[in-house]
Protein backbone atom coordinates (compact mmCIF):
# COMPACT_ATOMS: atom_id res chain seq x y z
CA MET A 1 37.10 -110.92 -17.66
CA ALA A 2 38.12 -108.53 -20.43
CA THR A 3 40.74 -109.78 -23.00
CA VAL A 4 43.07 -108.03 -25.32
CA ARG A 5 43.46 -109.16 -29.00
CA LYS A 6 45.87 -107.73 -31.28
CA ARG A 7 44.55 -107.14 -34.90
CA SER A 8 46.27 -107.65 -38.31
CA ASN A 9 46.74 -103.87 -38.64
CA GLY A 10 48.67 -103.64 -35.21
CA THR A 11 45.75 -102.19 -33.27
CA PHE A 12 44.20 -103.67 -30.22
CA GLU A 13 40.62 -104.86 -29.63
CA ILE A 14 39.38 -105.04 -26.04
CA ARG A 15 36.53 -107.97 -25.60
CA TYR A 16 34.53 -107.80 -22.41
CA ILE A 17 31.18 -108.86 -20.90
CA ASN A 18 29.02 -105.75 -20.53
CA GLN A 19 26.55 -105.08 -17.93
CA HIS A 20 23.83 -106.97 -19.79
CA GLY A 21 25.86 -110.10 -19.82
CA LYS A 22 26.76 -109.88 -23.54
CA ARG A 23 30.09 -110.01 -24.98
CA LYS A 24 31.09 -106.92 -26.73
CA GLY A 25 34.28 -105.30 -28.32
CA ILE A 26 36.11 -101.89 -28.36
CA CYS A 27 38.86 -101.17 -31.03
CA LEU A 28 41.30 -98.84 -29.51
CA PRO A 29 42.49 -95.98 -31.63
CA PRO A 30 45.58 -96.69 -34.07
CA ALA A 31 47.63 -94.53 -31.88
CA GLU A 32 47.16 -96.83 -28.86
CA LYS A 33 49.56 -99.49 -29.82
CA ASN A 34 51.13 -100.37 -26.44
CA ARG A 35 49.79 -103.45 -25.18
CA ARG A 36 50.49 -102.55 -21.59
CA ILE A 37 48.17 -99.52 -22.02
CA ALA A 38 45.82 -101.85 -23.61
CA GLU A 39 45.78 -104.18 -20.99
CA SER A 40 45.26 -101.44 -18.26
CA THR A 41 42.28 -100.22 -20.50
CA ALA A 42 40.66 -103.66 -20.38
CA THR A 43 40.89 -103.73 -16.64
CA LYS A 44 39.35 -100.30 -16.17
CA ILE A 45 36.45 -101.54 -18.63
CA ASP A 46 35.87 -104.56 -16.66
CA HIS A 47 35.65 -102.47 -13.48
CA ILE A 48 33.19 -100.11 -15.19
CA ALA A 49 31.09 -102.84 -16.41
CA SER A 50 31.04 -104.51 -13.05
CA ARG A 51 30.02 -101.42 -11.23
CA LEU A 52 27.14 -100.72 -13.77
CA SER A 53 25.67 -104.08 -13.30
CA GLN A 54 25.53 -103.22 -9.63
CA GLY A 55 23.84 -99.81 -10.22
CA ALA A 56 26.99 -98.03 -8.66
CA GLU A 57 29.47 -95.40 -9.74
CA PRO A 58 33.14 -96.27 -10.75
CA ASP A 59 35.92 -95.75 -8.22
CA ARG A 60 37.19 -92.17 -8.32
CA ASP A 61 40.69 -92.97 -9.77
CA VAL A 62 38.67 -94.64 -12.58
CA SER A 63 36.33 -91.78 -13.11
CA GLU A 64 39.30 -89.43 -13.19
CA TRP A 65 40.72 -91.58 -15.84
CA ILE A 66 37.36 -91.52 -17.94
CA ALA A 67 37.42 -87.95 -17.76
CA GLY A 68 40.67 -87.82 -19.27
CA LEU A 69 39.95 -90.06 -22.13
CA PRO A 70 40.47 -88.63 -25.74
CA GLU A 71 37.29 -87.65 -27.28
CA LYS A 72 37.24 -90.37 -29.92
CA LEU A 73 37.71 -93.13 -27.34
CA HIS A 74 35.22 -91.67 -24.95
CA SER A 75 32.57 -91.51 -27.86
CA LYS A 76 33.10 -95.15 -28.28
CA PHE A 77 32.52 -95.84 -24.44
CA VAL A 78 29.31 -93.83 -24.66
CA LYS A 79 27.81 -95.88 -27.61
CA HIS A 80 28.67 -99.03 -25.53
CA GLY A 81 26.63 -97.65 -22.61
CA LEU A 82 29.97 -97.62 -20.36
CA VAL A 83 29.88 -93.87 -19.58
CA ALA A 84 27.42 -90.98 -20.00
CA PRO A 85 27.98 -88.28 -22.78
CA ARG A 86 30.00 -85.29 -22.00
CA GLN A 87 27.71 -82.20 -21.42
CA SER A 88 30.30 -79.69 -22.96
CA ALA A 89 31.21 -81.79 -25.86
CA GLU A 90 29.88 -81.13 -29.23
CA THR A 91 27.70 -83.77 -30.89
CA LEU A 92 29.72 -86.14 -32.74
CA GLN A 93 29.16 -87.70 -36.01
CA PRO A 94 28.15 -91.43 -35.57
CA GLU A 95 30.94 -93.66 -36.66
CA PRO A 96 30.69 -97.20 -37.60
CA ASP A 97 30.87 -99.73 -34.72
CA GLU A 98 33.78 -101.69 -35.77
CA SER A 99 33.16 -104.50 -33.01
CA GLN A 100 29.61 -105.27 -34.91
CA VAL A 101 31.60 -106.03 -38.36
CA PRO A 102 33.01 -109.51 -38.23
CA SER A 103 36.33 -110.34 -39.86
CA LEU A 104 36.51 -112.36 -42.97
CA LYS A 105 37.36 -115.62 -41.29
CA ASN A 106 34.50 -115.21 -38.66
CA TRP A 107 31.89 -114.40 -41.14
CA THR A 108 32.82 -117.34 -43.44
CA ASP A 109 33.20 -119.81 -40.74
CA ASP A 110 29.68 -118.67 -39.37
CA TYR A 111 28.10 -118.79 -42.82
CA ILE A 112 29.43 -122.38 -43.49
CA GLU A 113 28.58 -123.79 -39.98
CA ASN A 114 24.88 -122.80 -40.68
CA HIS A 115 24.56 -123.87 -44.19
CA PRO A 116 22.23 -126.59 -44.90
CA GLY A 117 24.09 -128.02 -48.06
CA LYS A 118 25.49 -131.59 -48.42
CA ALA A 119 28.96 -132.49 -47.55
CA GLY A 120 30.20 -131.84 -51.05
CA THR A 121 28.72 -128.37 -51.12
CA ILE A 122 30.28 -127.59 -47.73
CA GLU A 123 33.71 -128.99 -48.88
CA GLN A 124 33.65 -126.25 -51.76
CA LEU A 125 32.56 -123.52 -49.41
CA GLU A 126 35.41 -124.39 -47.04
CA ILE A 127 38.02 -124.39 -50.00
CA SER A 128 36.56 -120.87 -51.23
CA ALA A 129 36.70 -119.50 -47.77
CA ARG A 130 40.61 -120.57 -47.29
CA SER A 131 41.16 -119.08 -50.70
CA LEU A 132 39.75 -115.81 -49.61
CA CYS A 133 41.67 -115.79 -46.34
CA LYS A 134 44.77 -116.79 -47.90
CA ARG A 135 44.61 -113.73 -50.08
CA PHE A 136 43.11 -111.02 -47.85
CA GLY A 137 44.14 -112.46 -44.34
CA ASP A 138 41.62 -113.87 -41.63
CA ASP A 139 41.15 -110.45 -39.74
CA LYS A 140 40.14 -108.34 -42.57
CA PRO A 141 36.71 -106.72 -41.83
CA ILE A 142 34.15 -107.74 -44.44
CA ASP A 143 32.90 -104.17 -44.83
CA THR A 144 36.27 -102.80 -46.01
CA PHE A 145 36.30 -104.98 -49.17
CA THR A 146 36.13 -103.13 -52.40
CA ALA A 147 35.36 -103.89 -56.03
CA GLY A 148 39.15 -103.38 -56.55
CA ASP A 149 39.71 -106.17 -53.95
CA ALA A 150 37.33 -108.48 -55.88
CA GLU A 151 39.19 -107.75 -59.16
CA SER A 152 42.68 -108.48 -57.53
CA TYR A 153 41.21 -111.73 -56.14
CA ARG A 154 40.18 -112.89 -59.68
CA LYS A 155 43.53 -112.19 -61.11
CA TRP A 156 45.28 -113.79 -58.34
CA LEU A 157 43.05 -117.06 -58.73
CA GLN A 158 44.13 -117.02 -62.38
CA THR A 159 47.75 -116.64 -61.60
CA LYS A 160 48.48 -118.19 -58.11
CA GLY A 161 45.14 -119.47 -56.75
CA ASN A 162 45.75 -123.23 -56.90
CA GLU A 163 45.94 -124.60 -53.30
CA ARG A 164 47.06 -128.10 -54.54
CA LYS A 165 50.03 -126.74 -56.33
CA LYS A 166 51.19 -124.60 -53.28
CA TYR A 167 49.88 -121.22 -54.71
CA VAL A 168 52.30 -121.18 -57.54
CA THR A 169 50.05 -121.63 -60.37
CA GLY A 170 46.49 -120.41 -61.33
CA LEU A 171 42.96 -122.12 -61.75
CA ALA A 172 41.15 -122.90 -64.78
CA LYS A 173 38.48 -120.41 -66.08
CA GLY A 174 35.70 -122.51 -64.93
CA THR A 175 37.14 -122.87 -61.34
CA VAL A 176 37.96 -119.21 -61.15
CA ARG A 177 34.27 -118.45 -61.82
CA ARG A 178 32.92 -120.97 -59.35
CA ARG A 179 35.25 -119.46 -56.67
CA ILE A 180 33.99 -115.75 -57.45
CA GLY A 181 30.42 -117.28 -57.33
CA ARG A 182 30.99 -118.64 -53.70
CA ALA A 183 32.55 -115.35 -52.65
CA LYS A 184 29.39 -113.73 -54.00
CA GLN A 185 27.31 -115.97 -51.63
CA PHE A 186 29.37 -114.94 -48.65
CA PHE A 187 28.87 -111.19 -49.15
CA ASN A 188 25.15 -111.54 -50.21
CA ALA A 189 24.53 -113.24 -46.98
CA ALA A 190 26.25 -110.25 -45.19
CA ILE A 191 23.93 -107.91 -47.17
CA LYS A 192 20.94 -109.77 -45.87
CA HIS A 193 22.27 -109.52 -42.24
CA GLU A 194 22.73 -105.70 -42.80
CA LEU A 195 26.39 -105.97 -42.02
CA ILE A 196 27.27 -104.36 -45.36
CA THR A 197 25.21 -102.48 -48.04
CA ARG A 198 26.84 -103.71 -51.38
CA ASN A 199 28.67 -106.92 -52.62
CA PRO A 200 31.95 -105.98 -53.72
CA PHE A 201 32.00 -109.18 -56.18
CA ALA A 202 28.85 -107.87 -57.99
CA ASN A 203 30.45 -106.96 -61.07
CA GLU A 204 32.87 -110.20 -61.33
CA ALA A 205 31.77 -113.01 -63.78
CA SER A 206 30.68 -116.10 -62.02
CA ALA A 207 28.41 -117.79 -64.49
CA SER A 208 29.50 -121.36 -65.09
CA THR A 209 30.66 -122.05 -68.54
CA GLY A 210 32.18 -125.17 -70.34
CA ASN A 211 35.88 -125.54 -71.07
CA PRO A 212 35.83 -127.42 -74.53
CA GLU A 213 39.66 -127.59 -74.38
CA ARG A 214 39.28 -130.33 -71.69
CA LEU A 215 36.63 -132.38 -73.49
CA PHE A 216 37.94 -135.57 -75.25
CA MET A 217 35.79 -138.14 -77.30
CA VAL A 218 37.03 -141.55 -75.90
CA PRO A 219 36.43 -144.33 -78.68
CA ALA A 220 34.53 -147.48 -77.71
CA ASP A 221 37.64 -149.61 -78.46
CA TRP A 222 39.55 -147.80 -76.00
CA ILE A 223 37.06 -148.46 -73.18
CA GLU A 224 37.05 -152.02 -74.21
CA ALA A 225 40.69 -152.44 -73.72
CA CYS A 226 40.49 -150.73 -70.49
CA ILE A 227 37.65 -153.24 -69.46
CA GLN A 228 39.77 -156.14 -70.55
CA ASN A 229 42.73 -154.95 -68.31
CA ALA A 230 40.60 -154.03 -65.31
CA PRO A 231 41.59 -155.74 -62.02
CA CYS A 232 38.05 -156.91 -61.20
CA GLU A 233 34.39 -157.16 -62.34
CA ASP A 234 33.85 -154.15 -60.03
CA TRP A 235 35.95 -152.09 -62.14
CA ARG A 236 34.69 -153.67 -65.51
CA ILE A 237 31.00 -152.44 -64.82
CA ILE A 238 32.16 -149.06 -63.52
CA LEU A 239 33.77 -148.37 -66.73
CA ALA A 240 30.94 -149.72 -68.73
CA PHE A 241 28.34 -147.68 -66.71
CA ALA A 242 30.41 -144.46 -67.35
CA ARG A 243 31.12 -144.95 -71.10
CA TYR A 244 27.95 -146.65 -72.19
CA ALA A 245 25.17 -145.36 -69.82
CA GLY A 246 26.79 -141.91 -69.34
CA MET A 247 26.75 -142.17 -65.42
CA ARG A 248 28.44 -139.72 -63.33
CA SER A 249 31.46 -141.02 -61.34
CA HIS A 250 29.50 -141.47 -58.17
CA GLU A 251 26.39 -143.06 -59.77
CA THR A 252 28.57 -145.92 -61.34
CA ARG A 253 29.10 -146.93 -57.51
CA ILE A 254 25.54 -146.77 -56.00
CA GLN A 255 23.51 -148.66 -58.51
CA LYS A 256 21.27 -151.35 -57.27
CA TRP A 257 20.41 -154.87 -58.80
CA ALA A 258 16.68 -154.37 -57.91
CA ASP A 259 16.73 -151.25 -60.17
CA ILE A 260 18.03 -153.22 -63.40
CA ASP A 261 15.30 -154.93 -65.42
CA LEU A 262 17.25 -156.57 -68.13
CA THR A 263 13.89 -158.20 -69.36
CA ASN A 264 12.40 -154.86 -70.30
CA ASP A 265 15.62 -153.07 -71.15
CA LEU A 266 15.13 -150.49 -68.45
CA MET A 267 17.04 -149.28 -65.53
CA ILE A 268 16.44 -146.74 -62.60
CA ILE A 269 19.37 -144.63 -61.98
CA ARG A 270 19.83 -143.24 -58.58
CA SER A 271 22.07 -140.18 -58.08
CA HIS A 272 23.11 -137.68 -55.41
CA LYS A 273 22.32 -134.84 -57.92
CA THR A 274 18.93 -133.52 -59.21
CA PRO A 275 16.91 -135.61 -60.19
CA PRO A 276 17.80 -138.29 -57.47
CA VAL A 277 15.95 -141.02 -59.56
CA ARG A 278 15.56 -141.23 -63.33
CA ARG A 279 14.76 -143.83 -66.00
CA CYS A 280 17.17 -144.83 -68.69
CA PRO A 281 17.23 -147.43 -71.34
CA ILE A 282 19.66 -150.36 -71.22
CA PHE A 283 21.44 -149.69 -74.38
CA PRO A 284 22.84 -152.52 -76.32
CA GLU A 285 26.51 -151.71 -75.85
CA LEU A 286 25.83 -151.82 -72.08
CA ARG A 287 23.67 -155.08 -71.93
CA PRO A 288 26.50 -157.65 -72.32
CA HIS A 289 28.68 -155.94 -69.58
CA LEU A 290 25.49 -156.05 -67.14
CA MET A 291 24.88 -159.63 -67.92
CA ARG A 292 28.26 -160.68 -67.19
CA ALA A 293 28.38 -158.57 -63.90
CA LYS A 294 25.08 -160.36 -62.85
CA GLN A 295 26.81 -163.82 -63.45
CA HIS A 296 29.59 -162.81 -61.28
CA ALA A 297 27.66 -160.96 -58.65
CA THR A 298 27.41 -162.79 -55.34
CA LYS A 299 24.01 -164.32 -54.12
CA GLY A 300 21.97 -161.77 -52.50
CA ALA A 301 24.31 -158.64 -53.50
CA VAL A 302 22.30 -155.31 -53.26
CA TYR A 303 24.80 -153.24 -55.15
CA VAL A 304 25.99 -153.81 -58.83
CA GLN A 305 29.73 -152.93 -57.58
CA THR A 306 30.87 -153.37 -54.02
CA ARG A 307 34.45 -152.30 -54.00
CA TYR A 308 34.12 -148.65 -53.64
CA GLY A 309 32.02 -146.08 -51.63
CA HIS A 310 30.27 -143.28 -53.55
CA ASP A 311 32.72 -140.66 -52.45
CA ASP A 312 36.03 -142.81 -52.81
CA ASN A 313 38.75 -141.56 -55.10
CA ILE A 314 39.06 -143.82 -57.95
CA LEU A 315 40.97 -141.66 -60.39
CA THR A 316 44.47 -143.14 -59.46
CA THR A 317 43.47 -146.65 -60.18
CA MET A 318 41.62 -145.74 -63.29
CA GLU A 319 44.83 -144.02 -64.50
CA LYS A 320 46.85 -147.30 -63.86
CA ILE A 321 44.17 -149.21 -65.96
CA VAL A 322 44.37 -146.94 -68.91
CA ILE A 323 48.20 -147.14 -68.77
CA ARG A 324 47.91 -150.88 -68.62
CA ALA A 325 45.72 -151.03 -71.78
CA GLY A 326 48.50 -149.30 -73.59
CA LEU A 327 46.61 -145.90 -73.69
CA VAL A 328 47.65 -142.33 -72.76
CA PRO A 329 45.41 -141.22 -69.91
CA TRP A 330 43.09 -138.33 -70.91
CA GLU A 331 41.90 -135.36 -69.07
CA LYS A 332 38.85 -135.56 -66.67
CA PRO A 333 38.63 -139.36 -67.50
CA MET A 334 35.21 -139.89 -65.75
CA GLN A 335 33.35 -136.75 -66.99
CA ASN A 336 34.78 -137.44 -70.56
CA LEU A 337 33.34 -140.84 -70.70
CA ARG A 338 29.79 -139.40 -69.85
CA ALA A 339 30.43 -136.49 -72.26
CA THR A 340 31.34 -139.01 -75.07
CA ARG A 341 28.23 -140.97 -74.34
CA GLU A 342 25.90 -137.90 -74.38
CA THR A 343 27.48 -136.56 -77.57
CA GLU A 344 26.74 -140.03 -79.26
CA LEU A 345 23.17 -140.06 -78.13
CA LEU A 346 22.40 -136.49 -79.07
CA SER A 347 23.53 -137.38 -82.67
CA HIS A 348 20.62 -140.01 -82.88
CA TYR A 349 17.78 -138.84 -80.35
CA PRO A 350 16.13 -135.68 -79.32
CA ALA A 351 17.94 -133.58 -76.90
CA LYS A 352 14.87 -133.58 -74.30
CA ASP A 353 15.03 -137.41 -74.38
CA VAL A 354 18.86 -137.81 -73.98
CA THR A 355 19.14 -135.35 -71.11
CA GLY A 356 16.27 -137.03 -69.30
CA TRP A 357 18.28 -140.38 -69.45
CA LEU A 358 21.48 -138.83 -68.34
CA GLY A 359 19.89 -136.47 -65.74
CA ASN A 360 20.88 -133.10 -66.93
CA SER A 361 19.24 -130.24 -69.12
CA PRO A 362 19.72 -129.48 -72.71
CA THR A 363 21.59 -126.20 -71.73
CA VAL A 364 24.13 -127.97 -69.57
CA ALA A 365 24.51 -130.78 -72.19
CA ASN A 366 25.38 -128.27 -74.59
CA ASN A 367 27.72 -126.25 -72.42
CA HIS A 368 29.57 -128.83 -70.67
CA TYR A 369 29.21 -132.29 -72.61
CA ALA A 370 28.42 -131.99 -76.17
CA MET A 371 31.34 -132.29 -78.65
CA PRO A 372 31.56 -131.75 -82.50
CA MET A 373 31.95 -135.30 -84.13
CA GLN A 374 34.02 -136.14 -87.15
CA GLU A 375 31.42 -138.51 -88.25
CA SER A 376 28.83 -135.93 -88.62
CA PHE A 377 31.22 -133.61 -90.55
CA ASP A 378 32.01 -136.46 -92.88
CA ARG A 379 28.31 -137.26 -93.42
CA ALA A 380 27.48 -133.67 -94.07
CA VAL A 381 30.15 -133.40 -96.66
CA LYS A 382 28.73 -136.59 -98.32
CA ASP A 383 24.90 -136.14 -97.86
CA GLY A 384 24.49 -132.46 -97.16
CA ALA A 385 21.01 -131.69 -95.70
CA LYS A 386 19.18 -133.95 -98.07
CA ILE A 387 16.71 -131.12 -98.83
CA ILE A 388 15.96 -130.85 -102.40
CA GLY A 389 16.38 -127.24 -103.61
CA VAL A 390 18.36 -126.25 -100.34
CA THR A 391 21.49 -128.70 -100.82
CA SER A 392 24.23 -127.25 -102.49
CA GLY A 393 24.73 -129.01 -105.73
CA GLY A 394 21.50 -130.95 -105.69
CA GLN A 395 20.59 -132.92 -108.70
CA ALA A 396 16.78 -132.69 -108.46
CA LYS A 397 15.25 -129.54 -110.40
CA LEU A 398 12.01 -128.09 -108.85
CA THR A 399 9.12 -127.61 -111.02
CA PRO A 400 6.37 -125.49 -109.81
CA LYS A 401 3.14 -127.05 -109.65
CA ARG A 402 0.21 -125.18 -111.30
CA THR A 403 -2.92 -124.80 -109.57
CA GLN A 404 -5.77 -125.81 -111.77
CA THR A 405 -8.61 -124.08 -109.97
CA THR A 406 -11.49 -122.93 -112.08
CA HIS A 407 -13.59 -119.90 -111.98
CA ALA A 408 -17.05 -119.15 -113.49
CA ILE A 409 -16.81 -115.64 -114.70
CA GLY A 410 -19.78 -114.22 -116.98
CA GLY A 411 -20.85 -117.79 -117.85
CA GLN A 412 -17.31 -118.77 -118.94
CA ARG A 413 -15.22 -121.39 -117.09
CA MET A 414 -11.41 -119.88 -116.66
CA THR A 415 -8.39 -121.68 -115.50
CA ALA A 416 -6.20 -119.83 -112.94
CA ASP A 417 -3.11 -120.65 -115.01
CA PRO A 418 -0.25 -117.94 -116.01
CA LYS A 419 -1.02 -118.71 -119.61
CA HIS A 420 -4.53 -117.41 -119.26
CA ALA A 421 -3.67 -114.29 -117.27
CA LYS A 422 -4.57 -111.91 -120.04
CA SER A 423 -8.08 -113.40 -120.92
CA PHE A 424 -8.91 -113.66 -117.19
CA ILE A 425 -8.22 -109.83 -116.80
CA ASN A 426 -10.31 -109.24 -120.02
CA ALA A 427 -13.31 -111.24 -118.68
CA MET A 428 -13.33 -109.32 -115.34
CA ARG A 429 -13.39 -105.95 -117.08
CA GLU A 430 -16.53 -107.11 -119.07
CA LEU A 431 -18.18 -108.23 -116.11
CA ILE A 432 -17.40 -105.10 -114.15
CA SER A 433 -18.69 -102.79 -117.19
CA SER A 434 -21.95 -105.02 -117.45
CA CYS A 435 -22.90 -104.01 -113.71
CA PRO A 436 -25.55 -100.99 -113.34
CA THR A 437 -24.20 -97.90 -112.08
CA ARG A 438 -25.18 -97.10 -108.25
CA THR A 439 -26.32 -93.71 -107.52
């Protein structure tokens, strides 16, 4: 049975089952904004589709109604195969079939439903879809988006796009770029399905960049104070893993005792990110905390910590621990513990080794984790580059070495020394003049 749906622009769309058993939709012209007329039209469309499936003609009154249809609406019926073209009518220019272009919400819902990503990826896609629908409305057809819409969306994200703050504040620069990137995903998929021909977000910046303003170097004595004020051994090892092994938040909660080799100072770190498994040294700062955790572990324990699941929210409790230790909570607490460790290691070891231990790339490390260190600045002031002749104010004086290479010229042994340059040239002239002239 045909149904009538009112669109956000005030027009009506009639959804019906055609003679082939497929659900189709016809959008009535903007002038037809009377629901009673729309419902009457839906009834007649149902009658036409039913007769077509039986191979019969519509009733006389319906045929007369078809004959009196406006040209634009009649042409839509022709395209849907409900009626035959009018013989006397001029050939009409094809117009887009509005029923075939999904709305923003329908398209994003369908894209997310068929996406093969993990739960975290799906959650972020859902947040981005809600954000788009909040800004433009659920019913906006995806083929009506313009580059201007994309620009206004970015500005809206920067000023009012924070869902957690009830859309009264904006989002951070990096978050805005990620939202734009997911919007590009939605519309790139629509291009592949030939629903649209261009991506309105194509010119909007979406590359992920770091935010140095939110990076913070967490001193080791701070984290030691937090460990001393932690409520249990699970929390102590979580903090030690984050600060001294540079583990991501979820990684601190999924490590297994079977992967920790204290004898050989080696541990296998498991992760839900790429790579899923990596080798990492047991650093001297981490070793005592691992040994203490081993002593407190129950017999037969599989995981190093057992209090939390990998996706549990631990930030509220961590903030309480930091305050209990007499400290002021810092931004992005777990990420900055990881960033601090990576920065420390990068100052001592090759970037390729460090990023292999911590599970990212040198580019990601430089853009999102590495921080300038005051200790490096002070050392540079004191020692410079320690390269003789390059360090400003160096005490050593370079003395050029003379190459004592000898040459036998005209029976004489000459030394290639600047002092003998003149005699060397004269000897060469004599040698040349003694050669017979070639004809």
